[in-house]
C-alpha atoms as a PDB file:
ATOM      1  CA  MET A   1     118.890  98.749 123.141  1.00  0.00           C
ATOM      2  CA  ALA A   2     117.239  97.845 119.754  1.00  0.00           C
ATOM      3  CA  THR A   3     115.926 101.136 117.368  1.00  0.00           C
ATOM      4  CA  ASP A   4     114.858  98.777 114.228  1.00  0.00           C
ATOM      5  CA  LEU A   5     111.269  98.345 114.662  1.00  0.00           C
ATOM      6  CA  ILE A   6     112.524  94.170 113.436  1.00  0.00           C
ATOM      7  CA  GLU A   7     115.156  94.133 115.725  1.00  0.00           C
ATOM      8  CA  LEU A   8     111.962  94.027 118.472  1.00  0.00           C
ATOM      9  CA  LYS A   9     110.792  91.261 120.534  1.00  0.00           C
ATOM     10  CA  ASN A  10     107.531  89.446 118.745  1.00  0.00           C
ATOM     11  CA  LEU A  11     108.845  91.487 115.466  1.00  0.00           C
ATOM     12  CA  GLY A  12     109.022  90.136 111.954  1.00  0.00           C
ATOM     13  CA  LYS A  13     109.250  91.061 107.980  1.00  0.00           C
ATOM     14  CA  THR A  14     105.036  91.156 107.447  1.00  0.00           C
ATOM     15  CA  SER A  15     104.555  92.451 111.169  1.00  0.00           C
ATOM     16  CA  VAL A  16     107.218  95.400 110.247  1.00  0.00           C
ATOM     17  CA  GLN A  17     106.028  96.144 106.818  1.00  0.00           C
ATOM     18  CA  TRP A  18     102.422  96.406 107.816  1.00  0.00           C
ATOM     19  CA  LEU A  19     103.708  99.134 110.405  1.00  0.00           C
ATOM     20  CA  ASN A  20     105.607 101.034 107.640  1.00  0.00           C
ATOM     21  CA  ALA A  21     102.504 101.193 106.008  1.00  0.00           C
ATOM     22  CA  VAL A  22     100.585 103.359 108.370  1.00  0.00           C
ATOM     23  CA  GLY A  23     103.888 105.344 109.049  1.00  0.00           C
ATOM     24  CA  ILE A  24     104.973 104.361 112.177  1.00  0.00           C
ATOM     25  CA  ARG A  25     108.754 102.972 111.206  1.00  0.00           C
ATOM     26  CA  THR A  26     110.405 104.103 114.466  1.00  0.00           C
ATOM     27  CA  LEU A  27     110.693 102.392 117.508  1.00  0.00           C
ATOM     28  CA  GLU A  28     109.827 106.071 119.157  1.00  0.00           C
ATOM     29  CA  GLN A  29     106.768 106.019 116.641  1.00  0.00           C
ATOM     30  CA  LEU A  30     105.278 103.336 118.191  1.00  0.00           C
ATOM     31  CA  HIS A  31     105.935 104.539 121.732  1.00  0.00           C
ATOM     32  CA  GLU A  32     104.539 107.520 120.552  1.00  0.00           C
ATOM     33  CA  VAL A  33     101.434 106.157 118.617  1.00  0.00           C
ATOM     34  CA  GLY A  34     100.726 102.706 121.425  1.00  0.00           C
ATOM     35  CA  SER A  35     100.413  98.873 120.762  1.00  0.00           C
ATOM     36  CA  VAL A  36      96.428 100.221 120.636  1.00  0.00           C
ATOM     37  CA  ALA A  37      96.660 102.972 117.699  1.00  0.00           C
ATOM     38  CA  ALA A  38      98.868 101.621 116.544  1.00  0.00           C
ATOM     39  CA  TYR A  39      97.296  98.230 115.898  1.00  0.00           C
ATOM     40  CA  CYS A  40      94.140 100.362 115.041  1.00  0.00           C
ATOM     41  CA  LYS A  41      96.254 101.524 112.069  1.00  0.00           C
ATOM     42  CA  VAL A  42      97.383  98.488 110.909  1.00  0.00           C
ATOM     43  CA  ARG A  43      93.686  97.154 110.807  1.00  0.00           C
ATOM     44  CA  ASP A  44      91.859  99.496 109.142  1.00  0.00           C
ATOM     45  CA  ARG A  45      94.433  99.437 106.507  1.00  0.00           C
ATOM     46  CA  GLY A  46      92.986  96.924 105.803  1.00  0.00           C
ATOM     47  CA  PHE A  47      96.008  94.067 106.543  1.00  0.00           C
ATOM     48  CA  LYS A  48      94.445  90.650 107.761  1.00  0.00           C
ATOM     49  CA  VAL A  49      95.534  91.079 111.347  1.00  0.00           C
ATOM     50  CA  SER A  50      94.658  88.952 114.623  1.00  0.00           C
ATOM     51  CA  LYS A  51      94.794  89.825 118.121  1.00  0.00           C
ATOM     52  CA  VAL A  52      97.985  88.230 118.372  1.00  0.00           C
ATOM     53  CA  LEU A  53      99.721  91.586 116.418  1.00  0.00           C
ATOM     54  CA  LEU A  54      98.092  93.605 119.341  1.00  0.00           C
ATOM     55  CA  TYR A  55      99.978  91.389 122.195  1.00  0.00           C
ATOM     56  CA  ALA A  56     103.068  91.389 119.806  1.00  0.00           C
ATOM     57  CA  LEU A  57     103.118  94.776 119.316  1.00  0.00           C
ATOM     58  CA  GLU A  58     103.243  95.568 123.440  1.00  0.00           C
ATOM     59  CA  GLY A  59     105.516  92.753 124.389  1.00  0.00           C
ATOM     60  CA  ALA A  60     107.706  94.426 121.795  1.00  0.00           C
ATOM     61  CA  LEU A  61     107.165  98.142 123.263  1.00  0.00           C
ATOM     62  CA  ILE A  62     107.387  96.162 126.927  1.00  0.00           C
ATOM     63  CA  GLY A  63     109.936  93.873 126.149  1.00  0.00           C
ATOM     64  CA  ALA A  64     108.191  90.954 126.783  1.00  0.00           C
ATOM     65  CA  HIS A  65     107.258  87.610 124.093  1.00  0.00           C
ATOM     66  CA  TRP A  66     103.680  88.159 123.769  1.00  0.00           C
ATOM     67  CA  ASN A  67     102.710  84.634 124.548  1.00  0.00           C
ATOM     68  CA  ASP A  68     103.672  86.220 128.379  1.00  0.00           C
ATOM     69  CA  LEU A  69     101.549  88.966 128.671  1.00  0.00           C
ATOM     70  CA  ASP A  70      98.888  88.574 131.181  1.00  0.00           C
ATOM     71  CA  PRO A  71      94.865  87.253 130.532  1.00  0.00           C
ATOM     72  CA  ASP A  72      93.756  89.708 132.008  1.00  0.00           C
ATOM     73  CA  TYR A  73      96.603  92.271 130.909  1.00  0.00           C
ATOM     74  CA  LYS A  74      95.792  90.860 126.777  1.00  0.00           C
ATOM     75  CA  ALA A  75      91.965  91.665 127.557  1.00  0.00           C
ATOM     76  CA  ARG A  76      92.849  95.268 128.694  1.00  0.00           C
ATOM     77  CA  LEU A  77      93.951  95.586 125.228  1.00  0.00           C
ATOM     78  CA  LEU A  78      91.165  94.027 123.123  1.00  0.00           C
ATOM     79  CA  GLU A  79      88.941  95.951 125.134  1.00  0.00           C
ATOM     80  CA  ALA A  80      91.025  98.803 123.947  1.00  0.00           C
ATOM     81  CA  VAL A  81      91.009  98.807 120.540  1.00  0.00           C
ATOM     82  CA  GLU A  82      87.362  97.874 121.048  1.00  0.00           C
ATOM     83  CA  ASP A  83      86.491 101.401 122.389  1.00  0.00           C
ATOM     84  CA  SER A  84      88.924 102.611 119.548  1.00  0.00           C
ATOM     85  CA  PRO A  85      87.394 104.587 116.370  1.00  0.00           C
ATOM     86  CA  PRO A  86      88.078 104.147 113.901  1.00  0.00           C
ATOM     87  CA  VAL A  87      90.866 105.322 112.148  1.00  0.00           C
ATOM     88  CA  LEU A  88      90.949 105.979 108.634  1.00  0.00           C
END
């Protein structure tokens, strides 16, 4: 199993750099934080992100390509982001 973020499905150099910038450096840390909170941390840090990053993070956690996530699942992830308070 991949332990380094760059080895995970969906994550490339830029997304890993963004995660590192908000203190997420390992798969274990990403699991602890979760995809929604990790996305919010990156977004609130000022990086220009799209919802694809959210899907990519979730896909990385469950071992699936982000585009294979069910549309309802994606919608629930977006709702969770909208319900999350800003991370400062």
